[in-house]
């Protein structure tokens, strides 16, 4: 087993592994370390970090550096090891994120890098499935790694004069209201290990109850309705809903015959904990409407 990190001292607790320094942005380092891997059957791409900030305010130089690690670096390591993995019918595990399929305000650039990981993973499987290569895409929620500390170090502090200043508290409340407190990373390790004995050749693994809740609603209502609902949760004006959208409290109060599809979407939002921006009375009214509709 070979393990690498830009700071190899972090790998000292690993038992039985050859450890190396490797920065995935450096082709020479990647070439050297991957040459030491031998005839491997498993590749776990875990390099990545986040730069947070609004689309307007985040420096693009920081975004380029993040993509150099999260997307190009992952691809560089995969390309180097793919001939062996293809020949042996191996498995590739790519660490994505819950942000690989949905976003919060100020996570757009980070999410874009993880959407790219999802796309690369899908293409890799379709191209290499005939060689027996299996792919797992891991989508964790909030975990107690150095993720937030690193993100704070590399992200620009919020500008007190930002045009978005009045929205920051709402954005934070909506984000941290649905995410779990940082969870034990062993949960992610256990999910990866369990997936290796699963016969399915391609798997997405939502790990953590927060990831499961977020992705369950996003999948239930579809990406467009999810985006409109997310805007509503984050204080966007929202007067008229569209087909499949989650109801607003005022819309629900104004209709005597709720649309079954929209009502089902609203029930899913309630069940997955996404209606924290509704008052208790509004949620109680929804429960009554749901009971009457059954």
C-alpha atoms as a PDB file:
ATOM      1  CA  UNK A   1       0.000   0.000   0.000  1.00  0.00           C
ATOM      2  CA  UNK A   2       1.252   3.456  -0.943  1.00  0.00           C
ATOM      3  CA  UNK A   3      -0.005   6.666   0.686  1.00  0.00           C
ATOM      4  CA  UNK A   4       0.948  10.239  -0.097  1.00  0.00           C
ATOM      5  CA  UNK A   5       0.388  13.723   1.261  1.00  0.00           C
ATOM      6  CA  UNK A   6       1.993  17.139   0.751  1.00  0.00           C
ATOM      7  CA  UNK A   7       2.834  16.833   4.456  1.00  0.00           C
ATOM      8  CA  UNK A   8       3.912  13.188   4.841  1.00  0.00           C
ATOM      9  CA  UNK A   9       4.279  13.500   8.606  1.00  0.00           C
ATOM     10  CA  UNK A  10       0.480  13.344   8.719  1.00  0.00           C
ATOM     11  CA  UNK A  11       0.720   9.772   7.418  1.00  0.00           C
ATOM     12  CA  UNK A  12       2.820   8.443  10.306  1.00  0.00           C
ATOM     13  CA  UNK A  13      -0.143   6.700  12.007  1.00  0.00           C
ATOM     14  CA  UNK A  14      -0.628   4.496   8.913  1.00  0.00           C
ATOM     15  CA  UNK A  15       0.682   1.001   9.543  1.00  0.00           C
ATOM     16  CA  UNK A  16       2.117  -1.046   6.702  1.00  0.00           C
ATOM     17  CA  UNK A  17       2.064   1.750   4.148  1.00  0.00           C
ATOM     18  CA  UNK A  18       4.912   3.235   2.150  1.00  0.00           C
ATOM     19  CA  UNK A  19       4.478   6.968   2.589  1.00  0.00           C
ATOM     20  CA  UNK A  20       5.632   9.712   0.254  1.00  0.00           C
ATOM     21  CA  UNK A  21       5.403  13.429  -0.136  1.00  0.00           C
ATOM     22  CA  UNK A  22       3.270  14.290  -3.150  1.00  0.00           C
ATOM     23  CA  UNK A  23       1.670  17.521  -4.287  1.00  0.00           C
ATOM     24  CA  UNK A  24      -0.814  16.558  -7.003  1.00  0.00           C
ATOM     25  CA  UNK A  25      -0.123  19.876  -8.748  1.00  0.00           C
ATOM     26  CA  UNK A  26       3.457  18.769  -9.470  1.00  0.00           C
ATOM     27  CA  UNK A  27       3.765  16.360 -12.424  1.00  0.00           C
ATOM     28  CA  UNK A  28       7.236  15.170 -11.402  1.00  0.00           C
ATOM     29  CA  UNK A  29       6.115  14.275  -7.884  1.00  0.00           C
ATOM     30  CA  UNK A  30       3.052  12.452  -9.201  1.00  0.00           C
ATOM     31  CA  UNK A  31       5.159  10.516 -11.705  1.00  0.00           C
ATOM     32  CA  UNK A  32       7.653   9.478  -9.012  1.00  0.00           C
ATOM     33  CA  UNK A  33       5.107   8.360  -6.417  1.00  0.00           C
ATOM     34  CA  UNK A  34       2.837   6.556  -8.858  1.00  0.00           C
ATOM     35  CA  UNK A  35       5.888   4.675 -10.180  1.00  0.00           C
ATOM     36  CA  UNK A  36       6.290   3.258  -6.663  1.00  0.00           C
ATOM     37  CA  UNK A  37       2.697   2.019  -6.502  1.00  0.00           C
ATOM     38  CA  UNK A  38       3.268  -1.201  -8.423  1.00  0.00           C
ATOM     39  CA  UNK A  39       0.367  -3.369  -9.589  1.00  0.00           C
ATOM     40  CA  UNK A  40      -2.403  -1.743  -7.584  1.00  0.00           C
ATOM     41  CA  UNK A  41      -6.061  -2.729  -7.535  1.00  0.00           C
ATOM     42  CA  UNK A  42      -7.407   0.319  -5.719  1.00  0.00           C
ATOM     43  CA  UNK A  43      -6.941   4.074  -6.075  1.00  0.00           C
ATOM     44  CA  UNK A  44      -8.468   6.498  -3.561  1.00  0.00           C
ATOM     45  CA  UNK A  45      -8.326  10.132  -4.700  1.00  0.00           C
ATOM     46  CA  UNK A  46      -8.714  12.179  -1.526  1.00  0.00           C
ATOM     47  CA  UNK A  47      -6.813  15.388  -2.351  1.00  0.00           C
ATOM     48  CA  UNK A  48      -8.978  18.490  -2.206  1.00  0.00           C
ATOM     49  CA  UNK A  49      -9.913  21.633  -0.344  1.00  0.00           C
ATOM     50  CA  UNK A  50     -12.431  24.477  -0.502  1.00  0.00           C
ATOM     51  CA  UNK A  51     -12.269  28.151  -1.302  1.00  0.00           C
ATOM     52  CA  UNK A  52     -15.458  29.859  -0.114  1.00  0.00           C
ATOM     53  CA  UNK A  53     -16.863  33.203  -1.207  1.00  0.00           C
ATOM     54  CA  UNK A  54     -19.480  34.715  -3.458  1.00  0.00           C
ATOM     55  CA  UNK A  55     -19.137  34.368  -7.220  1.00  0.00           C
ATOM     56  CA  UNK A  56     -18.578  38.114  -7.519  1.00  0.00           C
ATOM     57  CA  UNK A  57     -16.025  38.519  -4.738  1.00  0.00           C
ATOM     58  CA  UNK A  58     -13.817  35.412  -4.810  1.00  0.00           C
ATOM     59  CA  UNK A  59     -10.396  35.984  -6.442  1.00  0.00           C
ATOM     60  CA  UNK A  60     -10.118  33.821  -9.542  1.00  0.00           C
ATOM     61  CA  UNK A  61      -6.450  33.117  -8.822  1.00  0.00           C
ATOM     62  CA  UNK A  62      -7.579  31.243  -5.703  1.00  0.00           C
ATOM     63  CA  UNK A  63     -10.188  29.384  -7.755  1.00  0.00           C
ATOM     64  CA  UNK A  64      -7.537  28.334 -10.273  1.00  0.00           C
ATOM     65  CA  UNK A  65      -5.337  26.944  -7.504  1.00  0.00           C
ATOM     66  CA  UNK A  66      -8.262  24.986  -6.056  1.00  0.00           C
ATOM     67  CA  UNK A  67      -9.126  23.500  -9.456  1.00  0.00           C
ATOM     68  CA  UNK A  68      -5.463  22.607  -9.917  1.00  0.00           C
ATOM     69  CA  UNK A  69      -5.803  20.310  -6.888  1.00  0.00           C
ATOM     70  CA  UNK A  70      -9.435  19.193  -6.876  1.00  0.00           C
ATOM     71  CA  UNK A  71      -9.820  18.539 -10.604  1.00  0.00           C
ATOM     72  CA  UNK A  72      -6.501  18.586 -12.474  1.00  0.00           C
ATOM     73  CA  UNK A  73      -4.578  16.929  -9.639  1.00  0.00           C
ATOM     74  CA  UNK A  74      -7.148  14.145  -9.293  1.00  0.00           C
ATOM     75  CA  UNK A  75      -7.019  13.636 -13.051  1.00  0.00           C
ATOM     76  CA  UNK A  76      -3.204  13.602 -13.103  1.00  0.00           C
ATOM     77  CA  UNK A  77      -3.011  10.805 -10.523  1.00  0.00           C
ATOM     78  CA  UNK A  78      -5.817   8.836 -12.156  1.00  0.00           C
ATOM     79  CA  UNK A  79      -4.229   9.056 -15.608  1.00  0.00           C
ATOM     80  CA  UNK A  80      -0.900   7.859 -14.239  1.00  0.00           C
ATOM     81  CA  UNK A  81      -2.392   4.770 -12.584  1.00  0.00           C
ATOM     82  CA  UNK A  82      -5.182   3.944 -15.003  1.00  0.00           C
ATOM     83  CA  UNK A  83      -3.176   1.582 -17.254  1.00  0.00           C
ATOM     84  CA  UNK A  84      -2.556  -0.709 -14.291  1.00  0.00           C
ATOM     85  CA  UNK A  85      -6.080  -0.340 -12.916  1.00  0.00           C
ATOM     86  CA  UNK A  86      -7.535  -1.039 -16.351  1.00  0.00           C
ATOM     87  CA  UNK A  87      -5.350  -4.116 -16.836  1.00  0.00           C
ATOM     88  CA  UNK A  88      -6.306  -5.507 -13.415  1.00  0.00           C
ATOM     89  CA  UNK A  89      -9.983  -4.490 -13.348  1.00  0.00           C
ATOM     90  CA  UNK A  90      -9.349  -2.277 -10.340  1.00  0.00           C
ATOM     91  CA  UNK A  91     -11.447   0.213  -8.426  1.00  0.00           C
ATOM     92  CA  UNK A  92     -11.258   4.015  -8.370  1.00  0.00           C
ATOM     93  CA  UNK A  93     -12.692   5.874  -5.370  1.00  0.00           C
ATOM     94  CA  UNK A  94     -13.101   9.607  -5.910  1.00  0.00           C
ATOM     95  CA  UNK A  95     -13.864  11.855  -2.954  1.00  0.00           C
ATOM     96  CA  UNK A  96     -16.538  14.272  -4.065  1.00  0.00           C
ATOM     97  CA  UNK A  97     -18.857  15.988  -1.584  1.00  0.00           C
ATOM     98  CA  UNK A  98     -22.492  16.694  -0.951  1.00  0.00           C
ATOM     99  CA  UNK A  99     -21.439  19.833  -2.863  1.00  0.00           C
ATOM    100  CA  UNK A 100     -20.899  17.617  -5.902  1.00  0.00           C
ATOM    101  CA  UNK A 101     -24.642  17.709  -6.520  1.00  0.00           C
ATOM    102  CA  UNK A 102     -25.915  20.842  -4.751  1.00  0.00           C
ATOM    103  CA  UNK A 103     -24.655  24.213  -3.549  1.00  0.00           C
ATOM    104  CA  UNK A 104     -24.959  26.794  -0.795  1.00  0.00           C
ATOM    105  CA  UNK A 105     -24.312  30.495  -1.265  1.00  0.00           C
ATOM    106  CA  UNK A 106     -20.554  31.123  -1.257  1.00  0.00           C
ATOM    107  CA  UNK A 107     -19.792  27.508  -2.199  1.00  0.00           C
ATOM    108  CA  UNK A 108     -20.239  27.886  -5.948  1.00  0.00           C
ATOM    109  CA  UNK A 109     -16.618  27.567  -7.019  1.00  0.00           C
ATOM    110  CA  UNK A 110     -15.910  24.707  -4.614  1.00  0.00           C
ATOM    111  CA  UNK A 111     -19.081  22.928  -5.732  1.00  0.00           C
ATOM    112  CA  UNK A 112     -18.054  23.433  -9.363  1.00  0.00           C
ATOM    113  CA  UNK A 113     -14.833  21.544  -8.674  1.00  0.00           C
ATOM    114  CA  UNK A 114     -16.797  18.704  -7.109  1.00  0.00           C
ATOM    115  CA  UNK A 115     -19.392  18.677  -9.917  1.00  0.00           C
ATOM    116  CA  UNK A 116     -16.343  18.181 -12.165  1.00  0.00           C
ATOM    117  CA  UNK A 117     -15.236  15.213 -10.049  1.00  0.00           C
ATOM    118  CA  UNK A 118     -18.695  13.691 -10.470  1.00  0.00           C
ATOM    119  CA  UNK A 119     -18.563  14.153 -14.259  1.00  0.00           C
ATOM    120  CA  UNK A 120     -15.038  12.739 -14.520  1.00  0.00           C
ATOM    121  CA  UNK A 121     -16.097   9.745 -12.428  1.00  0.00           C
ATOM    122  CA  UNK A 122     -19.102   9.007 -14.628  1.00  0.00           C
ATOM    123  CA  UNK A 123     -17.059   9.288 -17.824  1.00  0.00           C
ATOM    124  CA  UNK A 124     -14.278   7.146 -16.364  1.00  0.00           C
ATOM    125  CA  UNK A 125     -16.730   4.381 -15.560  1.00  0.00           C
ATOM    126  CA  UNK A 126     -18.391   4.502 -18.981  1.00  0.00           C
ATOM    127  CA  UNK A 127     -15.004   4.388 -20.722  1.00  0.00           C
ATOM    128  CA  UNK A 128     -13.467   1.656 -18.577  1.00  0.00           C
ATOM    129  CA  UNK A 129     -16.445  -0.513 -17.619  1.00  0.00           C
ATOM    130  CA  UNK A 130     -15.635  -3.033 -20.349  1.00  0.00           C
ATOM    131  CA  UNK A 131     -12.223  -3.532 -18.691  1.00  0.00           C
ATOM    132  CA  UNK A 132     -13.873  -4.321 -15.349  1.00  0.00           C
ATOM    133  CA  UNK A 133     -12.946  -1.027 -13.696  1.00  0.00           C
ATOM    134  CA  UNK A 134     -15.316  -0.061 -10.880  1.00  0.00           C
ATOM    135  CA  UNK A 135     -15.930   3.494  -9.669  1.00  0.00           C
ATOM    136  CA  UNK A 136     -17.188   4.861  -6.350  1.00  0.00           C
ATOM    137  CA  UNK A 137     -18.058   8.540  -5.864  1.00  0.00           C
ATOM    138  CA  UNK A 138     -18.101   9.492  -2.179  1.00  0.00           C
ATOM    139  CA  UNK A 139     -20.326  12.442  -1.175  1.00  0.00           C
ATOM    140  CA  UNK A 140     -19.720  13.304   2.492  1.00  0.00           C
ATOM    141  CA  UNK A 141     -21.543  15.937   4.489  1.00  0.00           C
ATOM    142  CA  UNK A 142     -19.822  17.742   7.373  1.00  0.00           C
ATOM    143  CA  UNK A 143     -16.919  15.843   8.957  1.00  0.00           C
ATOM    144  CA  UNK A 144     -14.277  16.636  11.571  1.00  0.00           C
ATOM    145  CA  UNK A 145     -11.253  16.900   9.328  1.00  0.00           C
ATOM    146  CA  UNK A 146      -9.132  20.012   8.670  1.00  0.00           C
ATOM    147  CA  UNK A 147     -11.586  20.973   5.926  1.00  0.00           C
ATOM    148  CA  UNK A 148     -13.013  24.092   7.566  1.00  0.00           C
ATOM    149  CA  UNK A 149      -9.689  25.219   9.000  1.00  0.00           C
ATOM    150  CA  UNK A 150      -8.057  24.984   5.567  1.00  0.00           C
ATOM    151  CA  UNK A 151     -10.991  26.729   3.887  1.00  0.00           C
ATOM    152  CA  UNK A 152     -10.745  29.597   6.374  1.00  0.00           C
ATOM    153  CA  UNK A 153      -7.015  29.901   5.716  1.00  0.00           C
ATOM    154  CA  UNK A 154      -7.319  30.143   1.922  1.00  0.00           C
ATOM    155  CA  UNK A 155     -10.618  32.040   1.579  1.00  0.00           C
ATOM    156  CA  UNK A 156     -10.882  35.817   1.631  1.00  0.00           C
ATOM    157  CA  UNK A 157     -12.501  37.208   4.794  1.00  0.00           C
ATOM    158  CA  UNK A 158     -15.942  38.644   4.211  1.00  0.00           C
ATOM    159  CA  UNK A 159     -15.831  42.319   3.302  1.00  0.00           C
ATOM    160  CA  UNK A 160     -17.805  44.369   5.868  1.00  0.00           C
ATOM    161  CA  UNK A 161     -18.829  46.613   2.961  1.00  0.00           C
ATOM    162  CA  UNK A 162     -19.903  43.700   0.758  1.00  0.00           C
ATOM    163  CA  UNK A 163     -23.134  44.254  -1.206  1.00  0.00           C
ATOM    164  CA  UNK A 164     -24.157  40.844   0.200  1.00  0.00           C
ATOM    165  CA  UNK A 165     -23.580  41.819   3.842  1.00  0.00           C
ATOM    166  CA  UNK A 166     -27.284  41.898   4.716  1.00  0.00           C
ATOM    167  CA  UNK A 167     -27.633  38.298   3.503  1.00  0.00           C
ATOM    168  CA  UNK A 168     -24.695  36.740   5.340  1.00  0.00           C
ATOM    169  CA  UNK A 169     -26.594  35.883   8.520  1.00  0.00           C
ATOM    170  CA  UNK A 170     -29.404  34.260   6.546  1.00  0.00           C
ATOM    171  CA  UNK A 171     -26.959  32.288   4.437  1.00  0.00           C
ATOM    172  CA  UNK A 172     -25.164  31.002   7.532  1.00  0.00           C
ATOM    173  CA  UNK A 173     -28.388  30.094   9.311  1.00  0.00           C
ATOM    174  CA  UNK A 174     -29.706  28.100   6.357  1.00  0.00           C
ATOM    175  CA  UNK A 175     -26.401  26.296   5.805  1.00  0.00           C
ATOM    176  CA  UNK A 176     -25.566  25.386   9.375  1.00  0.00           C
ATOM    177  CA  UNK A 177     -29.198  24.618  10.148  1.00  0.00           C
ATOM    178  CA  UNK A 178     -29.176  21.667   7.748  1.00  0.00           C
ATOM    179  CA  UNK A 179     -25.581  20.457   8.171  1.00  0.00           C
ATOM    180  CA  UNK A 180     -24.662  18.185  11.045  1.00  0.00           C
ATOM    181  CA  UNK A 181     -21.985  19.243  13.525  1.00  0.00           C
ATOM    182  CA  UNK A 182     -18.680  17.826  12.216  1.00  0.00           C
ATOM    183  CA  UNK A 183     -18.939  14.045  12.311  1.00  0.00           C
ATOM    184  CA  UNK A 184     -16.377  11.287  12.850  1.00  0.00           C
ATOM    185  CA  UNK A 185     -14.355  10.763   9.613  1.00  0.00           C
ATOM    186  CA  UNK A 186     -14.294   7.031  10.359  1.00  0.00           C
ATOM    187  CA  UNK A 187     -17.842   7.008   8.993  1.00  0.00           C
ATOM    188  CA  UNK A 188     -16.458   7.904   5.559  1.00  0.00           C
ATOM    189  CA  UNK A 189     -13.701   5.292   5.783  1.00  0.00           C
ATOM    190  CA  UNK A 190     -16.222   2.621   6.760  1.00  0.00           C
ATOM    191  CA  UNK A 191     -18.505   3.570   3.848  1.00  0.00           C
ATOM    192  CA  UNK A 192     -15.623   3.297   1.373  1.00  0.00           C
ATOM    193  CA  UNK A 193     -14.479  -0.065   2.740  1.00  0.00           C
ATOM    194  CA  UNK A 194     -18.028  -1.440   2.672  1.00  0.00           C
ATOM    195  CA  UNK A 195     -18.456  -0.292  -0.930  1.00  0.00           C
ATOM    196  CA  UNK A 196     -15.502  -2.390  -2.054  1.00  0.00           C
ATOM    197  CA  UNK A 197     -17.433  -5.611  -1.456  1.00  0.00           C
ATOM    198  CA  UNK A 198     -20.546  -4.309  -3.207  1.00  0.00           C
ATOM    199  CA  UNK A 199     -21.022  -5.987  -6.582  1.00  0.00           C
ATOM    200  CA  UNK A 200     -22.435  -2.880  -8.264  1.00  0.00           C
ATOM    201  CA  UNK A 201     -19.811  -1.464 -10.636  1.00  0.00           C
ATOM    202  CA  UNK A 202     -20.721   2.213 -10.144  1.00  0.00           C
ATOM    203  CA  UNK A 203     -21.861   3.706  -6.845  1.00  0.00           C
ATOM    204  CA  UNK A 204     -22.509   7.103  -5.348  1.00  0.00           C
ATOM    205  CA  UNK A 205     -22.153   7.092  -1.576  1.00  0.00           C
ATOM    206  CA  UNK A 206     -23.887   9.883   0.330  1.00  0.00           C
ATOM    207  CA  UNK A 207     -22.202   9.693   3.737  1.00  0.00           C
ATOM    208  CA  UNK A 208     -23.694  11.230   6.865  1.00  0.00           C
ATOM    209  CA  UNK A 209     -27.294  12.065   7.738  1.00  0.00           C
ATOM    210  CA  UNK A 210     -26.872  15.637   6.477  1.00  0.00           C
ATOM    211  CA  UNK A 211     -25.713  14.448   3.049  1.00  0.00           C
ATOM    212  CA  UNK A 212     -28.563  11.951   2.953  1.00  0.00           C
ATOM    213  CA  UNK A 213     -31.157  14.617   3.823  1.00  0.00           C
ATOM    214  CA  UNK A 214     -29.834  17.208   1.390  1.00  0.00           C
ATOM    215  CA  UNK A 215     -29.489  14.867  -1.548  1.00  0.00           C
ATOM    216  CA  UNK A 216     -32.798  13.114  -0.831  1.00  0.00           C
ATOM    217  CA  UNK A 217     -34.727  16.364  -1.275  1.00  0.00           C
ATOM    218  CA  UNK A 218     -32.645  17.507  -4.237  1.00  0.00           C
ATOM    219  CA  UNK A 219     -33.295  14.166  -5.956  1.00  0.00           C
ATOM    220  CA  UNK A 220     -36.977  14.133  -4.986  1.00  0.00           C
ATOM    221  CA  UNK A 221     -37.845  17.524  -6.478  1.00  0.00           C
ATOM    222  CA  UNK A 222     -35.255  17.692  -9.272  1.00  0.00           C
ATOM    223  CA  UNK A 223     -32.374  20.120  -9.800  1.00  0.00           C
ATOM    224  CA  UNK A 224     -34.392  23.102 -11.075  1.00  0.00           C
ATOM    225  CA  UNK A 225     -37.035  23.006  -8.350  1.00  0.00           C
ATOM    226  CA  UNK A 226     -34.254  22.470  -5.811  1.00  0.00           C
ATOM    227  CA  UNK A 227     -32.472  25.601  -7.013  1.00  0.00           C
ATOM    228  CA  UNK A 228     -35.649  27.690  -6.828  1.00  0.00           C
ATOM    229  CA  UNK A 229     -36.386  26.350  -3.353  1.00  0.00           C
ATOM    230  CA  UNK A 230     -32.827  27.087  -2.231  1.00  0.00           C
ATOM    231  CA  UNK A 231     -33.237  30.665  -3.399  1.00  0.00           C
ATOM    232  CA  UNK A 232     -36.423  30.908  -1.376  1.00  0.00           C
ATOM    233  CA  UNK A 233     -34.690  29.556   1.728  1.00  0.00           C
ATOM    234  CA  UNK A 234     -31.949  32.118   1.252  1.00  0.00           C
ATOM    235  CA  UNK A 235     -34.323  35.107   1.117  1.00  0.00           C
ATOM    236  CA  UNK A 236     -35.018  35.398  -2.626  1.00  0.00           C
ATOM    237  CA  UNK A 237     -38.407  36.915  -3.567  1.00  0.00           C
ATOM    238  CA  UNK A 238     -40.737  34.057  -4.413  1.00  0.00           C
ATOM    239  CA  UNK A 239     -44.277  34.951  -5.438  1.00  0.00           C
ATOM    240  CA  UNK A 240     -45.373  32.206  -7.819  1.00  0.00           C
ATOM    241  CA  UNK A 241     -44.335  28.580  -7.769  1.00  0.00           C
ATOM    242  CA  UNK A 242     -43.777  26.434 -10.836  1.00  0.00           C
ATOM    243  CA  UNK A 243     -44.633  22.811 -11.551  1.00  0.00           C
ATOM    244  CA  UNK A 244     -43.021  20.549  -8.963  1.00  0.00           C
ATOM    245  CA  UNK A 245     -41.905  23.374  -6.662  1.00  0.00           C
ATOM    246  CA  UNK A 246     -42.118  23.271  -2.884  1.00  0.00           C
ATOM    247  CA  UNK A 247     -45.025  25.406  -1.721  1.00  0.00           C
ATOM    248  CA  UNK A 248     -44.462  28.624   0.194  1.00  0.00           C
ATOM    249  CA  UNK A 249     -46.613  29.104   3.310  1.00  0.00           C
ATOM    250  CA  UNK A 250     -48.612  31.880   1.633  1.00  0.00           C
ATOM    251  CA  UNK A 251     -49.265  29.766  -1.465  1.00  0.00           C
ATOM    252  CA  UNK A 252     -50.399  26.835   0.639  1.00  0.00           C
ATOM    253  CA  UNK A 253     -52.735  29.047   2.667  1.00  0.00           C
ATOM    254  CA  UNK A 254     -54.258  30.507  -0.506  1.00  0.00           C
ATOM    255  CA  UNK A 255     -55.148  27.232  -2.213  1.00  0.00           C
ATOM    256  CA  UNK A 256     -58.097  24.989  -1.391  1.00  0.00           C
ATOM    257  CA  UNK A 257     -56.906  22.146  -3.625  1.00  0.00           C
ATOM    258  CA  UNK A 258     -53.128  21.687  -3.375  1.00  0.00           C
ATOM    259  CA  UNK A 259     -51.394  20.198  -6.372  1.00  0.00           C
ATOM    260  CA  UNK A 260     -50.400  16.631  -5.386  1.00  0.00           C
ATOM    261  CA  UNK A 261     -46.928  16.877  -6.929  1.00  0.00           C
ATOM    262  CA  UNK A 262     -46.122  20.161  -5.225  1.00  0.00           C
ATOM    263  CA  UNK A 263     -47.605  18.913  -1.974  1.00  0.00           C
ATOM    264  CA  UNK A 264     -45.393  15.806  -2.155  1.00  0.00           C
ATOM    265  CA  UNK A 265     -42.364  18.033  -2.725  1.00  0.00           C
ATOM    266  CA  UNK A 266     -43.327  20.152   0.287  1.00  0.00           C
ATOM    267  CA  UNK A 267     -43.784  17.051   2.419  1.00  0.00           C
ATOM    268  CA  UNK A 268     -40.305  15.884   1.360  1.00  0.00           C
ATOM    269  CA  UNK A 269     -38.887  19.267   2.394  1.00  0.00           C
ATOM    270  CA  UNK A 270     -40.544  18.918   5.808  1.00  0.00           C
ATOM    271  CA  UNK A 271     -39.378  15.328   6.244  1.00  0.00           C
ATOM    272  CA  UNK A 272     -35.770  16.178   5.396  1.00  0.00           C
ATOM    273  CA  UNK A 273     -35.603  19.179   7.728  1.00  0.00           C
ATOM    274  CA  UNK A 274     -35.582  21.943   5.102  1.00  0.00           C
ATOM    275  CA  UNK A 275     -38.490  24.036   6.394  1.00  0.00           C
ATOM    276  CA  UNK A 276     -36.658  25.677   9.271  1.00  0.00           C
ATOM    277  CA  UNK A 277     -37.447  29.051   7.679  1.00  0.00           C
ATOM    278  CA  UNK A 278     -41.191  28.393   8.191  1.00  0.00           C
ATOM    279  CA  UNK A 279     -42.788  29.295  11.500  1.00  0.00           C
ATOM    280  CA  UNK A 280     -44.070  26.578  13.805  1.00  0.00           C
ATOM    281  CA  UNK A 281     -47.639  27.584  12.958  1.00  0.00           C
ATOM    282  CA  UNK A 282     -46.904  27.283   9.230  1.00  0.00           C
ATOM    283  CA  UNK A 283     -45.418  23.816   9.655  1.00  0.00           C
ATOM    284  CA  UNK A 284     -48.392  22.762  11.769  1.00  0.00           C
ATOM    285  CA  UNK A 285     -50.730  23.965   9.033  1.00  0.00           C
ATOM    286  CA  UNK A 286     -48.766  21.909   6.494  1.00  0.00           C
ATOM    287  CA  UNK A 287     -49.130  18.790   8.621  1.00  0.00           C
ATOM    288  CA  UNK A 288     -52.889  19.375   8.710  1.00  0.00           C
ATOM    289  CA  UNK A 289     -53.059  19.784   4.935  1.00  0.00           C
ATOM    290  CA  UNK A 290     -51.033  16.612   4.446  1.00  0.00           C
ATOM    291  CA  UNK A 291     -53.335  14.690   6.772  1.00  0.00           C
ATOM    292  CA  UNK A 292     -56.417  15.940   4.925  1.00  0.00           C
ATOM    293  CA  UNK A 293     -54.912  14.934   1.571  1.00  0.00           C
ATOM    294  CA  UNK A 294     -54.378  11.315   2.611  1.00  0.00           C
END
